[in-house]
Amino acid sequence: MYQLNYHSIANSGLELDDLDNILETAIACNSENNISGCLIYHNGSFVQILEGLEKDVLNVFENISADKRHHSIKVLWEAPVTQRYFSEWSMAFYRPLDKDLQHYVNNLLILTELSDRSTGSLLSFWASVRKIIRGGTLSQYEKAY
């Protein structure tokens, strides 16, 4: 089993239809390649963790890296792991209304604190999610964990 997580910045002009398309593509690609994980998008930044067989994770990441809808792609962590941590997670997308946004952000912050962070990859992933939610900049991701 192998995990990789990365951060990237959405290109300006990315719209909700683009996010819907990204979600549809991710569901199909992850299913086809037996990849599990989690994708977070907030304030123009993506953070994603991918897990599966190393060759499959690297292949999916290569395709993600070639996607022209984002840039400044930075691998935060990659390493072999003993188990999947997101095996039960189905890809999901939540589009909060403006009035619900702060509640959504607060819930994500709570999740980053309560989740099992027993590997370096998970520590890096959740630290990156916290930074995005709190308005962190790309330079802060270099030492996210």
N, C-alpha and C. Protein backbone atom coordinates (compact mmCIF):
# COMPACT_ATOMS: atom_id res chain seq x y z
N MET A 1 0.86 -1.18 0.00
CA MET A 1 0.00 0.00 0.00
C MET A 1 0.90 1.24 0.00
N TYR A 2 0.44 2.27 -0.66
CA TYR A 2 1.24 3.48 -0.85
C TYR A 2 0.32 4.69 -0.71
N GLN A 3 0.84 5.75 -0.11
CA GLN A 3 0.09 7.01 0.00
C GLN A 3 0.90 8.15 -0.59
N LEU A 4 0.18 9.08 -1.19
CA LEU A 4 0.78 10.31 -1.70
C LEU A 4 -0.22 11.42 -1.43
N ASN A 5 0.28 12.53 -0.90
CA ASN A 5 -0.61 13.69 -0.81
C ASN A 5 0.09 14.91 -1.38
N TYR A 6 -0.73 15.77 -1.93
CA TYR A 6 -0.20 16.95 -2.62
C TYR A 6 -1.11 18.14 -2.38
N HIS A 7 -0.56 19.29 -2.69
CA HIS A 7 -1.28 20.56 -2.66
C HIS A 7 -1.14 21.19 -4.05
N SER A 8 -2.19 21.85 -4.51
CA SER A 8 -2.10 22.61 -5.75
C SER A 8 -3.04 23.81 -5.67
N ILE A 9 -2.85 24.72 -6.59
CA ILE A 9 -3.66 25.94 -6.64
C ILE A 9 -4.52 25.90 -7.90
N ALA A 10 -5.81 26.14 -7.73
CA ALA A 10 -6.73 26.16 -8.86
C ALA A 10 -6.43 27.37 -9.74
N ASN A 11 -6.55 27.18 -11.04
CA ASN A 11 -6.40 28.31 -11.95
C ASN A 11 -7.54 29.29 -11.73
N SER A 12 -7.24 30.57 -11.92
CA SER A 12 -8.30 31.56 -11.76
C SER A 12 -9.39 31.29 -12.79
N GLY A 13 -10.61 31.56 -12.40
CA GLY A 13 -11.74 31.32 -13.28
C GLY A 13 -12.33 29.93 -13.15
N LEU A 14 -11.81 29.10 -12.25
CA LEU A 14 -12.38 27.78 -12.02
C LEU A 14 -13.80 27.95 -11.50
N GLU A 15 -14.75 27.29 -12.12
CA GLU A 15 -16.16 27.45 -11.76
C GLU A 15 -16.71 26.18 -11.16
N LEU A 16 -17.93 26.26 -10.62
CA LEU A 16 -18.56 25.10 -10.00
C LEU A 16 -18.71 23.95 -10.98
N ASP A 17 -18.99 24.24 -12.24
CA ASP A 17 -19.08 23.17 -13.24
C ASP A 17 -17.74 22.45 -13.39
N ASP A 18 -16.64 23.20 -13.30
CA ASP A 18 -15.31 22.58 -13.36
C ASP A 18 -15.11 21.65 -12.17
N LEU A 19 -15.52 22.09 -10.98
CA LEU A 19 -15.39 21.25 -9.79
C LEU A 19 -16.24 19.99 -9.93
N ASP A 20 -17.44 20.12 -10.49
CA ASP A 20 -18.28 18.94 -10.73
C ASP A 20 -17.58 17.97 -11.67
N ASN A 21 -16.95 18.50 -12.71
CA ASN A 21 -16.24 17.65 -13.67
C ASN A 21 -15.04 16.98 -13.02
N ILE A 22 -14.31 17.72 -12.19
CA ILE A 22 -13.18 17.13 -11.46
C ILE A 22 -13.66 15.98 -10.60
N LEU A 23 -14.77 16.18 -9.92
CA LEU A 23 -15.33 15.14 -9.06
C LEU A 23 -15.71 13.90 -9.87
N GLU A 24 -16.41 14.08 -10.98
CA GLU A 24 -16.81 12.95 -11.82
C GLU A 24 -15.60 12.19 -12.33
N THR A 25 -14.58 12.91 -12.78
CA THR A 25 -13.36 12.29 -13.28
C THR A 25 -12.65 11.53 -12.17
N ALA A 26 -12.57 12.12 -10.98
CA ALA A 26 -11.90 11.48 -9.85
C ALA A 26 -12.60 10.19 -9.45
N ILE A 27 -13.92 10.21 -9.40
CA ILE A 27 -14.67 9.00 -9.03
C ILE A 27 -14.38 7.88 -10.02
N ALA A 28 -14.45 8.18 -11.30
CA ALA A 28 -14.22 7.16 -12.33
C ALA A 28 -12.78 6.65 -12.30
N CYS A 29 -11.84 7.56 -12.24
CA CYS A 29 -10.42 7.18 -12.27
C CYS A 29 -10.03 6.40 -11.02
N ASN A 30 -10.47 6.86 -9.86
CA ASN A 30 -10.14 6.17 -8.61
C ASN A 30 -10.74 4.77 -8.58
N SER A 31 -11.97 4.64 -9.04
CA SER A 31 -12.62 3.33 -9.07
C SER A 31 -11.88 2.38 -10.01
N GLU A 32 -11.54 2.88 -11.18
CA GLU A 32 -10.85 2.07 -12.19
C GLU A 32 -9.48 1.61 -11.70
N ASN A 33 -8.81 2.42 -10.88
CA ASN A 33 -7.45 2.12 -10.41
C ASN A 33 -7.39 1.64 -8.97
N ASN A 34 -8.54 1.36 -8.36
CA ASN A 34 -8.61 0.91 -6.96
C ASN A 34 -7.88 1.88 -6.03
N ILE A 35 -8.14 3.16 -6.22
CA ILE A 35 -7.54 4.22 -5.40
C ILE A 35 -8.59 4.72 -4.42
N SER A 36 -8.18 4.92 -3.18
CA SER A 36 -9.04 5.58 -2.20
C SER A 36 -8.33 6.84 -1.75
N GLY A 37 -9.02 7.67 -0.97
CA GLY A 37 -8.40 8.89 -0.50
C GLY A 37 -9.42 9.96 -0.20
N CYS A 38 -8.93 11.19 -0.20
CA CYS A 38 -9.78 12.32 0.14
C CYS A 38 -9.28 13.54 -0.63
N LEU A 39 -10.22 14.31 -1.17
CA LEU A 39 -9.91 15.53 -1.90
C LEU A 39 -10.62 16.68 -1.22
N ILE A 40 -9.87 17.71 -0.88
CA ILE A 40 -10.42 18.91 -0.26
C ILE A 40 -10.15 20.09 -1.19
N TYR A 41 -11.18 20.90 -1.43
CA TYR A 41 -11.03 22.15 -2.19
C TYR A 41 -11.59 23.26 -1.33
N HIS A 42 -10.80 24.32 -1.15
CA HIS A 42 -11.27 25.46 -0.37
C HIS A 42 -10.46 26.69 -0.78
N ASN A 43 -11.14 27.78 -1.02
CA ASN A 43 -10.49 29.07 -1.32
C ASN A 43 -9.41 28.96 -2.40
N GLY A 44 -9.69 28.22 -3.44
CA GLY A 44 -8.76 28.16 -4.57
C GLY A 44 -7.62 27.18 -4.42
N SER A 45 -7.62 26.37 -3.37
CA SER A 45 -6.56 25.38 -3.16
C SER A 45 -7.14 23.98 -3.09
N PHE A 46 -6.37 23.04 -3.62
CA PHE A 46 -6.69 21.62 -3.49
C PHE A 46 -5.66 20.97 -2.59
N VAL A 47 -6.11 20.04 -1.76
CA VAL A 47 -5.23 19.11 -1.06
C VAL A 47 -5.86 17.75 -1.25
N GLN A 48 -5.05 16.79 -1.68
CA GLN A 48 -5.59 15.45 -1.88
C GLN A 48 -4.62 14.42 -1.36
N ILE A 49 -5.18 13.35 -0.79
CA ILE A 49 -4.39 12.19 -0.41
C ILE A 49 -4.91 11.03 -1.25
N LEU A 50 -3.98 10.29 -1.85
CA LEU A 50 -4.31 9.12 -2.67
C LEU A 50 -3.67 7.91 -2.01
N GLU A 51 -4.36 6.77 -2.04
CA GLU A 51 -3.77 5.55 -1.50
C GLU A 51 -4.19 4.36 -2.35
N GLY A 52 -3.26 3.44 -2.51
CA GLY A 52 -3.47 2.24 -3.31
C GLY A 52 -2.12 1.62 -3.59
N LEU A 53 -2.05 0.76 -4.61
CA LEU A 53 -0.77 0.21 -5.01
C LEU A 53 0.10 1.35 -5.55
N GLU A 54 1.40 1.29 -5.28
CA GLU A 54 2.29 2.40 -5.65
C GLU A 54 2.17 2.75 -7.13
N LYS A 55 2.21 1.76 -8.00
CA LYS A 55 2.16 2.05 -9.45
C LYS A 55 0.84 2.74 -9.83
N ASP A 56 -0.25 2.34 -9.18
CA ASP A 56 -1.55 2.95 -9.47
C ASP A 56 -1.63 4.38 -8.95
N VAL A 57 -1.13 4.59 -7.73
CA VAL A 57 -1.13 5.94 -7.15
C VAL A 57 -0.29 6.88 -8.02
N LEU A 58 0.89 6.43 -8.41
CA LEU A 58 1.77 7.28 -9.22
C LEU A 58 1.17 7.55 -10.60
N ASN A 59 0.50 6.56 -11.18
CA ASN A 59 -0.16 6.75 -12.47
C ASN A 59 -1.29 7.77 -12.36
N VAL A 60 -2.13 7.64 -11.34
CA VAL A 60 -3.23 8.59 -11.14
C VAL A 60 -2.67 9.99 -10.88
N PHE A 61 -1.62 10.08 -10.06
CA PHE A 61 -1.04 11.38 -9.77
C PHE A 61 -0.44 12.02 -11.03
N GLU A 62 0.14 11.21 -11.90
CA GLU A 62 0.67 11.74 -13.16
C GLU A 62 -0.46 12.37 -13.98
N ASN A 63 -1.61 11.70 -14.03
CA ASN A 63 -2.76 12.26 -14.75
C ASN A 63 -3.27 13.54 -14.08
N ILE A 64 -3.33 13.54 -12.76
CA ILE A 64 -3.76 14.73 -12.02
C ILE A 64 -2.81 15.89 -12.31
N SER A 65 -1.52 15.60 -12.31
CA SER A 65 -0.51 16.64 -12.54
C SER A 65 -0.63 17.27 -13.93
N ALA A 66 -1.12 16.50 -14.89
CA ALA A 66 -1.26 17.01 -16.26
C ALA A 66 -2.53 17.84 -16.45
N ASP A 67 -3.41 17.85 -15.47
CA ASP A 67 -4.67 18.59 -15.58
C ASP A 67 -4.38 20.09 -15.57
N LYS A 68 -4.86 20.79 -16.57
CA LYS A 68 -4.57 22.22 -16.74
C LYS A 68 -5.44 23.13 -15.87
N ARG A 69 -6.31 22.55 -15.04
CA ARG A 69 -7.18 23.38 -14.20
C ARG A 69 -6.53 23.77 -12.88
N HIS A 70 -5.29 23.32 -12.67
CA HIS A 70 -4.56 23.72 -11.46
C HIS A 70 -3.07 23.80 -11.77
N HIS A 71 -2.33 24.42 -10.87
CA HIS A 71 -0.90 24.63 -11.07
C HIS A 71 -0.20 24.62 -9.71
N SER A 72 1.10 24.82 -9.73
CA SER A 72 1.92 24.86 -8.50
C SER A 72 1.69 23.59 -7.67
N ILE A 73 1.74 22.46 -8.35
CA ILE A 73 1.51 21.17 -7.70
C ILE A 73 2.74 20.80 -6.90
N LYS A 74 2.52 20.52 -5.63
CA LYS A 74 3.64 20.19 -4.73
C LYS A 74 3.29 18.93 -3.95
N VAL A 75 4.13 17.89 -4.10
CA VAL A 75 3.96 16.68 -3.31
C VAL A 75 4.38 17.01 -1.88
N LEU A 76 3.49 16.75 -0.95
CA LEU A 76 3.76 17.01 0.46
C LEU A 76 4.32 15.78 1.15
N TRP A 77 3.90 14.61 0.68
CA TRP A 77 4.33 13.36 1.31
C TRP A 77 4.05 12.22 0.36
N GLU A 78 4.94 11.25 0.33
CA GLU A 78 4.65 9.98 -0.33
C GLU A 78 5.50 8.92 0.32
N ALA A 79 4.88 7.76 0.57
CA ALA A 79 5.58 6.68 1.26
C ALA A 79 4.72 5.42 1.28
N PRO A 80 5.37 4.27 1.44
CA PRO A 80 4.60 3.04 1.66
C PRO A 80 3.90 3.12 3.02
N VAL A 81 2.73 2.52 3.12
CA VAL A 81 1.98 2.44 4.37
C VAL A 81 1.49 1.01 4.54
N THR A 82 1.08 0.67 5.74
CA THR A 82 0.65 -0.70 6.01
C THR A 82 -0.83 -0.93 5.74
N GLN A 83 -1.61 0.14 5.65
CA GLN A 83 -3.05 -0.02 5.44
C GLN A 83 -3.64 1.22 4.80
N ARG A 84 -4.85 1.07 4.29
CA ARG A 84 -5.61 2.21 3.78
C ARG A 84 -6.27 2.92 4.97
N TYR A 85 -6.27 4.22 4.94
CA TYR A 85 -6.93 5.00 5.98
C TYR A 85 -8.24 5.59 5.50
N PHE A 86 -8.47 5.59 4.19
CA PHE A 86 -9.69 6.16 3.62
C PHE A 86 -10.48 5.13 2.82
N SER A 87 -10.32 3.86 3.16
CA SER A 87 -10.95 2.79 2.37
C SER A 87 -12.47 2.89 2.34
N GLU A 88 -13.05 3.41 3.38
CA GLU A 88 -14.52 3.52 3.44
C GLU A 88 -15.03 4.85 2.89
N TRP A 89 -14.13 5.72 2.48
CA TRP A 89 -14.54 7.04 2.01
C TRP A 89 -14.90 6.97 0.54
N SER A 90 -16.10 7.38 0.26
CA SER A 90 -16.52 7.56 -1.12
C SER A 90 -16.23 9.02 -1.46
N MET A 91 -15.84 9.27 -2.68
CA MET A 91 -15.58 10.65 -3.08
C MET A 91 -16.86 11.46 -2.92
N ALA A 92 -16.76 12.59 -2.28
CA ALA A 92 -17.94 13.42 -2.05
C ALA A 92 -17.59 14.88 -2.29
N PHE A 93 -18.61 15.65 -2.52
CA PHE A 93 -18.42 17.07 -2.74
C PHE A 93 -19.54 17.81 -2.04
N TYR A 94 -19.20 18.76 -1.24
CA TYR A 94 -20.19 19.55 -0.52
C TYR A 94 -20.05 20.99 -0.94
N ARG A 95 -21.13 21.58 -1.38
CA ARG A 95 -21.11 22.96 -1.83
C ARG A 95 -21.91 23.79 -0.83
N PRO A 96 -21.26 24.33 0.20
CA PRO A 96 -22.01 25.06 1.23
C PRO A 96 -22.54 26.38 0.69
N LEU A 97 -23.70 26.74 1.17
CA LEU A 97 -24.23 28.07 0.90
C LEU A 97 -23.44 29.08 1.72
N ASP A 98 -23.43 30.33 1.31
CA ASP A 98 -22.67 31.35 2.03
C ASP A 98 -23.00 31.35 3.52
N LYS A 99 -24.27 31.21 3.86
CA LYS A 99 -24.66 31.26 5.27
C LYS A 99 -24.15 30.04 6.04
N ASP A 100 -23.84 28.93 5.33
CA ASP A 100 -23.37 27.71 5.98
C ASP A 100 -21.85 27.58 5.96
N LEU A 101 -21.16 28.47 5.26
CA LEU A 101 -19.73 28.31 5.04
C LEU A 101 -18.94 28.26 6.34
N GLN A 102 -19.19 29.14 7.28
CA GLN A 102 -18.42 29.14 8.51
C GLN A 102 -18.65 27.85 9.30
N HIS A 103 -19.87 27.36 9.30
CA HIS A 103 -20.17 26.08 9.96
C HIS A 103 -19.38 24.95 9.30
N TYR A 104 -19.33 24.94 7.97
CA TYR A 104 -18.58 23.94 7.20
C TYR A 104 -17.09 24.02 7.55
N VAL A 105 -16.54 25.21 7.55
CA VAL A 105 -15.12 25.41 7.88
C VAL A 105 -14.84 24.92 9.30
N ASN A 106 -15.69 25.29 10.24
CA ASN A 106 -15.50 24.84 11.62
C ASN A 106 -15.52 23.32 11.73
N ASN A 107 -16.44 22.67 11.02
CA ASN A 107 -16.51 21.21 11.05
C ASN A 107 -15.26 20.58 10.45
N LEU A 108 -14.75 21.15 9.36
CA LEU A 108 -13.52 20.62 8.78
C LEU A 108 -12.35 20.77 9.74
N LEU A 109 -12.27 21.90 10.41
CA LEU A 109 -11.19 22.10 11.39
C LEU A 109 -11.29 21.08 12.52
N ILE A 110 -12.49 20.82 12.99
CA ILE A 110 -12.67 19.81 14.04
C ILE A 110 -12.23 18.44 13.52
N LEU A 111 -12.61 18.10 12.29
CA LEU A 111 -12.21 16.82 11.71
C LEU A 111 -10.69 16.70 11.64
N THR A 112 -10.00 17.77 11.29
CA THR A 112 -8.54 17.71 11.21
C THR A 112 -7.91 17.45 12.57
N GLU A 113 -8.56 17.89 13.62
CA GLU A 113 -8.03 17.67 14.97
C GLU A 113 -8.35 16.28 15.51
N LEU A 114 -9.51 15.74 15.14
CA LEU A 114 -9.97 14.48 15.73
C LEU A 114 -9.57 13.24 14.94
N SER A 115 -9.18 13.41 13.69
CA SER A 115 -8.90 12.25 12.87
C SER A 115 -7.64 11.52 13.32
N ASP A 116 -7.63 10.23 13.02
CA ASP A 116 -6.44 9.42 13.30
C ASP A 116 -5.31 9.95 12.41
N ARG A 117 -4.25 10.41 13.05
CA ARG A 117 -3.12 10.97 12.29
C ARG A 117 -1.87 10.18 12.62
N SER A 118 -1.97 8.85 12.52
CA SER A 118 -0.89 8.00 12.99
C SER A 118 0.25 7.83 12.01
N THR A 119 0.16 8.36 10.81
CA THR A 119 1.28 8.27 9.88
C THR A 119 1.72 9.67 9.48
N GLY A 120 2.94 9.76 9.01
CA GLY A 120 3.44 11.05 8.55
C GLY A 120 2.60 11.62 7.43
N SER A 121 2.10 10.74 6.57
CA SER A 121 1.25 11.19 5.47
C SER A 121 -0.02 11.84 5.97
N LEU A 122 -0.66 11.22 6.96
CA LEU A 122 -1.89 11.80 7.50
C LEU A 122 -1.62 13.08 8.26
N LEU A 123 -0.51 13.11 8.99
CA LEU A 123 -0.14 14.36 9.69
C LEU A 123 0.01 15.49 8.69
N SER A 124 0.72 15.22 7.61
CA SER A 124 0.94 16.23 6.58
C SER A 124 -0.36 16.64 5.92
N PHE A 125 -1.20 15.65 5.59
CA PHE A 125 -2.47 15.93 4.92
C PHE A 125 -3.35 16.83 5.77
N TRP A 126 -3.60 16.46 7.01
CA TRP A 126 -4.51 17.24 7.86
C TRP A 126 -3.92 18.60 8.23
N ALA A 127 -2.60 18.67 8.39
CA ALA A 127 -1.98 19.98 8.63
C ALA A 127 -2.18 20.89 7.42
N SER A 128 -2.08 20.32 6.23
CA SER A 128 -2.30 21.10 5.01
C SER A 128 -3.73 21.57 4.89
N VAL A 129 -4.68 20.69 5.24
CA VAL A 129 -6.09 21.08 5.21
C VAL A 129 -6.33 22.24 6.16
N ARG A 130 -5.77 22.16 7.37
CA ARG A 130 -5.93 23.26 8.34
C ARG A 130 -5.39 24.56 7.77
N LYS A 131 -4.21 24.51 7.14
CA LYS A 131 -3.61 25.73 6.60
C LYS A 131 -4.48 26.34 5.50
N ILE A 132 -5.02 25.51 4.63
CA ILE A 132 -5.89 26.02 3.57
C ILE A 132 -7.12 26.69 4.17
N ILE A 133 -7.74 26.02 5.12
CA ILE A 133 -8.97 26.55 5.72
C ILE A 133 -8.70 27.86 6.43
N ARG A 134 -7.54 27.96 7.05
CA ARG A 134 -7.20 29.18 7.79
C ARG A 134 -6.56 30.23 6.90
N GLY A 135 -6.50 29.97 5.60
CA GLY A 135 -6.01 30.98 4.66
C GLY A 135 -4.51 30.96 4.49
N GLY A 136 -3.87 29.82 4.70
CA GLY A 136 -2.42 29.72 4.55
C GLY A 136 -1.99 29.88 3.11
N THR A 137 -0.72 30.17 2.92
CA THR A 137 -0.18 30.34 1.57
C THR A 137 0.67 29.13 1.21
N LEU A 138 0.96 28.99 -0.07
CA LEU A 138 1.70 27.83 -0.56
C LEU A 138 3.03 27.66 0.15
N SER A 139 3.74 28.74 0.43
CA SER A 139 5.05 28.62 1.07
C SER A 139 4.95 27.96 2.44
N GLN A 140 3.80 28.08 3.08
CA GLN A 140 3.63 27.45 4.39
C GLN A 140 3.49 25.94 4.29
N TYR A 141 3.27 25.39 3.10
CA TYR A 141 3.05 23.96 2.95
C TYR A 141 4.35 23.18 2.99
N GLU A 142 5.47 23.84 2.82
CA GLU A 142 6.73 23.12 2.79
C GLU A 142 6.97 22.34 4.07
N LYS A 143 6.55 22.85 5.19
CA LYS A 143 6.71 22.15 6.47
C LYS A 143 5.35 22.02 7.14
N ALA A 144 4.38 21.50 6.40
CA ALA A 144 3.01 21.43 6.91
C ALA A 144 2.87 20.50 8.09
N TYR A 145 3.71 19.52 8.21
CA TYR A 145 3.58 18.57 9.30
C TYR A 145 4.66 18.82 10.30
